Amino acid sequence: MLCIIFIPCFKKKLRNRKMTRIILYKIFIGIFICGTAFKGMAQANDDAGGKTHKFTFYAGIGPNYYLNNLVIAKNKVKEFNYSFVGRLMWEPKHNLSLGIESGYNRLYSVDTDLPGHGNVHIVNVAIPIRLVVAMKFFEHYFASFNMGQSILLNKVSSSDYGSFDASNISLGDFGLDIGYKRLISDRIYLGSEIKGTYSAKLEDKNIALVFFAGYRF
């Protein structure tokens, strides 16, 4: 019951206009992903002598910053937190690659006193599950676009009422990344990327700097 009180009071309500715009974005992005996927498969079939290792698993960690859009206790929000990222990519010989990404993004935390509830500690976490389209440009630089859903976890603890957890699913999430990576051996990548993400359910926006390693197989 406490979660039902806390969650909406900290967020702005979604407007119908914004939801319509998000749906249009999703349709456009879906068409783009399908088109690039078919193009990538066609290019892969044309490559007679492709790379031996066409799959790469990336894992990374780094700080993130939450673009604060809260209404109540806005000045109590801790915007700097952390992110873990895991990504499996199909990387054939050409510059286009496709994959799937997940991870753990601690969006923000709040410590404040609320009348009738005592001291309240809130943590919001997003666990993304998204499709990724990446394009290499220059020799070591890349840009990627991801789209999918996120599992939103809201953890609330109150000195008067104890701890309460709630979860929800945000279906209209997407992100844009730009980064640098370099092979340091036949199979190992090292690199970093700037990740910008948007979660449609509660209009959360987040920027992360992730340092990662990749393994080709």
Protein backbone atom coordinates (compact mmCIF):
# COMPACT_ATOMS: atom_id res chain seq x y z
CA MET A 1 0.00 0.00 0.00
CA LEU A 2 2.89 2.32 0.81
CA CYS A 3 4.45 1.75 -2.63
CA ILE A 4 1.21 2.80 -4.27
CA ILE A 5 1.44 6.06 -2.33
CA PHE A 6 5.10 6.79 -3.01
CA ILE A 7 5.59 5.84 -6.65
CA PRO A 8 3.13 8.20 -8.34
CA CYS A 9 3.82 11.13 -6.06
CA PHE A 10 7.43 11.25 -7.18
CA LYS A 11 6.72 11.21 -10.94
CA LYS A 12 4.98 13.36 -13.50
CA LYS A 13 1.90 11.94 -15.18
CA LEU A 14 2.28 10.90 -18.81
CA ARG A 15 0.35 12.94 -21.32
CA ASN A 16 -1.55 11.43 -24.22
CA ARG A 17 0.44 13.48 -26.69
CA LYS A 18 3.72 12.08 -25.45
CA MET A 19 2.40 8.52 -25.55
CA THR A 20 1.33 8.99 -29.17
CA ARG A 21 4.76 10.30 -30.05
CA ILE A 22 6.43 7.32 -28.34
CA ILE A 23 4.25 4.88 -30.30
CA LEU A 24 5.23 6.58 -33.57
CA TYR A 25 8.89 6.40 -32.57
CA LYS A 26 8.52 2.68 -31.86
CA ILE A 27 6.95 2.01 -35.28
CA PHE A 28 9.66 3.96 -37.08
CA ILE A 29 12.45 2.32 -35.10
CA GLY A 30 10.98 -1.16 -35.66
CA ILE A 31 10.97 -0.58 -39.42
CA PHE A 32 14.55 0.68 -39.22
CA ILE A 33 15.75 -2.34 -37.24
CA CYS A 34 14.06 -4.82 -39.60
CA GLY A 35 15.53 -3.08 -42.62
CA THR A 36 19.05 -3.01 -41.24
CA ALA A 37 18.77 -6.64 -40.13
CA PHE A 38 17.84 -7.83 -43.63
CA LYS A 39 20.59 -5.70 -45.11
CA GLY A 40 23.12 -7.14 -42.66
CA MET A 41 22.15 -10.74 -43.41
CA ALA A 42 22.38 -10.09 -47.14
CA GLN A 43 25.85 -8.60 -46.76
CA ALA A 44 26.93 -11.52 -44.59
CA ASN A 45 25.86 -14.01 -47.27
CA ASP A 46 27.87 -12.11 -49.86
CA ASP A 47 31.06 -12.36 -47.79
CA ALA A 48 32.90 -15.47 -48.94
CA GLY A 49 35.74 -15.18 -46.45
CA GLY A 50 34.21 -13.76 -43.28
CA LYS A 51 35.84 -13.49 -39.86
CA THR A 52 36.46 -16.63 -37.89
CA HIS A 53 34.90 -15.08 -34.80
CA LYS A 54 31.52 -13.52 -35.60
CA PHE A 55 30.09 -13.16 -32.08
CA THR A 56 31.32 -10.94 -29.26
CA PHE A 57 30.18 -10.71 -25.66
CA TYR A 58 30.75 -7.36 -23.95
CA ALA A 59 30.56 -6.63 -20.23
CA GLY A 60 31.05 -3.23 -18.65
CA ILE A 61 30.53 -1.02 -15.63
CA GLY A 62 30.54 2.70 -15.01
CA PRO A 63 28.91 5.74 -13.39
CA ASN A 64 25.61 7.17 -14.55
CA TYR A 65 23.75 10.43 -14.07
CA TYR A 66 19.96 10.70 -13.70
CA LEU A 67 18.31 13.72 -15.36
CA ASN A 68 16.09 14.65 -12.45
CA ASN A 69 12.38 15.02 -13.35
CA LEU A 70 10.91 14.35 -9.92
CA VAL A 71 8.29 16.69 -8.47
CA ILE A 72 8.42 16.01 -4.72
CA ALA A 73 11.76 15.95 -2.86
CA LYS A 74 13.58 16.96 -6.04
CA ASN A 75 16.48 18.43 -4.08
CA LYS A 76 16.88 15.18 -2.10
CA VAL A 77 17.64 13.05 -5.15
CA LYS A 78 21.09 11.49 -5.57
CA GLU A 79 21.57 11.67 -9.33
CA PHE A 80 24.97 9.94 -9.54
CA ASN A 81 24.76 6.15 -9.41
CA TYR A 82 26.15 3.20 -11.40
CA SER A 83 25.37 0.85 -14.29
CA PHE A 84 26.31 -2.70 -15.28
CA VAL A 85 25.98 -3.64 -18.96
CA GLY A 86 26.05 -7.01 -20.76
CA ARG A 87 25.74 -7.24 -24.55
CA LEU A 88 25.91 -10.14 -27.03
CA MET A 89 26.60 -8.98 -30.60
CA TRP A 90 26.72 -10.68 -33.99
CA GLU A 91 29.60 -8.95 -35.78
CA PRO A 92 30.24 -10.22 -39.31
CA LYS A 93 32.83 -8.76 -41.67
CA HIS A 94 30.92 -5.61 -42.62
CA ASN A 95 30.41 -2.57 -40.39
CA LEU A 96 26.84 -3.35 -39.32
CA SER A 97 26.23 -5.55 -36.25
CA LEU A 98 23.14 -6.75 -34.38
CA GLY A 99 22.61 -8.04 -30.86
CA ILE A 100 20.80 -7.98 -27.55
CA GLU A 101 21.61 -6.01 -24.39
CA SER A 102 20.72 -6.21 -20.73
CA GLY A 103 22.17 -4.98 -17.47
CA TYR A 104 21.43 -3.23 -14.20
CA ASN A 105 20.96 0.54 -14.02
CA ARG A 106 20.52 2.15 -10.64
CA LEU A 107 18.67 5.27 -11.75
CA TYR A 108 18.48 7.28 -8.53
CA SER A 109 18.03 7.15 -4.78
CA VAL A 110 16.17 9.47 -2.42
CA ASP A 111 16.52 10.04 1.33
CA THR A 112 13.91 12.33 2.84
CA ASP A 113 11.42 12.81 5.67
CA LEU A 114 7.72 12.65 4.83
CA PRO A 115 4.94 13.63 7.25
CA GLY A 116 3.25 10.51 8.57
CA HIS A 117 5.89 8.16 7.16
CA GLY A 118 9.08 9.14 8.97
CA ASN A 119 12.42 8.82 7.22
CA VAL A 120 12.00 7.35 3.73
CA HIS A 121 14.66 5.79 1.50
CA ILE A 122 13.76 5.09 -2.14
CA VAL A 123 15.85 3.37 -4.84
CA ASN A 124 14.75 3.06 -8.46
CA VAL A 125 16.41 0.47 -10.71
CA ALA A 126 15.95 -0.39 -14.40
CA ILE A 127 16.86 -3.77 -15.92
CA PRO A 128 16.78 -3.35 -19.72
CA ILE A 129 16.13 -6.09 -22.29
CA ARG A 130 16.72 -4.52 -25.70
CA LEU A 131 17.65 -5.20 -29.31
CA VAL A 132 20.77 -3.40 -30.52
CA VAL A 133 21.83 -2.18 -33.97
CA ALA A 134 25.42 -0.92 -34.11
CA MET A 135 27.43 0.70 -36.89
CA LYS A 136 31.20 1.04 -36.99
CA PHE A 137 32.65 4.27 -38.36
CA PHE A 138 36.29 5.24 -38.76
CA GLU A 139 38.55 2.47 -37.47
CA HIS A 140 37.75 2.14 -33.78
CA TYR A 141 34.61 4.21 -33.24
CA PHE A 142 31.01 3.00 -33.25
CA ALA A 143 27.46 4.18 -32.66
CA SER A 144 24.53 2.01 -31.64
CA PHE A 145 20.80 2.28 -31.18
CA ASN A 146 18.82 0.03 -28.82
CA MET A 147 15.11 -0.46 -28.34
CA GLY A 148 12.97 -2.69 -26.13
CA GLN A 149 11.60 -2.88 -22.62
CA SER A 150 12.83 -2.48 -19.07
CA ILE A 151 11.86 -4.05 -15.77
CA LEU A 152 11.51 -1.20 -13.27
CA LEU A 153 12.18 -1.98 -9.61
CA ASN A 154 11.10 0.44 -6.91
CA LYS A 155 12.45 -0.24 -3.43
CA VAL A 156 11.02 1.77 -0.55
CA SER A 157 11.97 1.63 3.12
CA SER A 158 10.33 3.74 5.81
CA SER A 159 11.28 4.14 9.45
CA ASP A 160 7.57 3.96 10.36
CA TYR A 161 6.28 1.25 7.99
CA GLY A 162 9.26 -0.93 7.08
CA SER A 163 10.29 -2.02 3.57
CA PHE A 164 8.15 -2.38 0.46
CA ASP A 165 9.13 -3.36 -3.07
CA ALA A 166 7.24 -2.89 -6.33
CA SER A 167 7.96 -3.67 -9.99
CA ASN A 168 6.63 -2.58 -13.34
CA ILE A 169 7.46 -2.95 -17.03
CA SER A 170 8.24 -0.08 -19.39
CA LEU A 171 7.64 -1.10 -23.01
CA GLY A 172 8.70 1.98 -24.96
CA ASP A 173 12.36 2.35 -24.00
CA PHE A 174 15.24 3.22 -26.28
CA GLY A 175 18.80 4.48 -26.15
CA LEU A 176 21.65 5.87 -28.22
CA ASP A 177 25.32 5.06 -27.58
CA ILE A 178 28.61 6.24 -29.01
CA GLY A 179 31.92 4.64 -28.13
CA TYR A 180 35.47 3.56 -28.84
CA LYS A 181 36.90 0.04 -28.83
CA ARG A 182 40.20 -1.56 -29.80
CA LEU A 183 41.38 -5.14 -30.22
CA ILE A 184 44.28 -5.84 -27.87
CA SER A 185 44.56 -9.48 -29.03
CA ASP A 186 42.90 -11.77 -31.55
CA ARG A 187 39.83 -12.15 -29.28
CA ILE A 188 39.86 -9.38 -26.66
CA TYR A 189 38.40 -5.85 -26.99
CA LEU A 190 38.77 -2.97 -24.55
CA GLY A 191 36.79 0.24 -24.85
CA SER A 192 34.37 2.78 -23.43
CA GLU A 193 31.06 4.30 -24.44
CA ILE A 194 28.62 7.05 -23.53
CA LYS A 195 25.08 5.68 -23.18
CA GLY A 196 21.95 7.79 -23.27
CA THR A 197 18.69 6.01 -22.36
CA TYR A 198 15.02 6.93 -22.09
CA SER A 199 12.39 4.93 -20.19
CA ALA A 200 8.88 5.79 -21.34
CA LYS A 201 6.88 4.48 -18.36
CA LEU A 202 7.99 7.22 -15.96
CA GLU A 203 9.87 9.44 -18.43
CA ASP A 204 13.25 8.59 -16.88
CA LYS A 205 16.35 9.86 -18.69
CA ASN A 206 19.85 8.64 -17.89
CA ILE A 207 23.41 9.15 -19.16
CA ALA A 208 26.17 6.66 -18.36
CA LEU A 209 29.90 6.37 -19.02
CA VAL A 210 30.70 2.66 -19.33
CA PHE A 211 34.11 0.99 -19.51
CA PHE A 212 33.90 -2.47 -21.06
CA ALA A 213 35.77 -5.54 -22.24
CA GLY A 214 34.70 -7.82 -25.08
CA TYR A 215 35.48 -11.44 -25.98
CA ARG A 216 35.12 -12.73 -29.57
CA PHE A 217 34.11 -16.33 -30.23
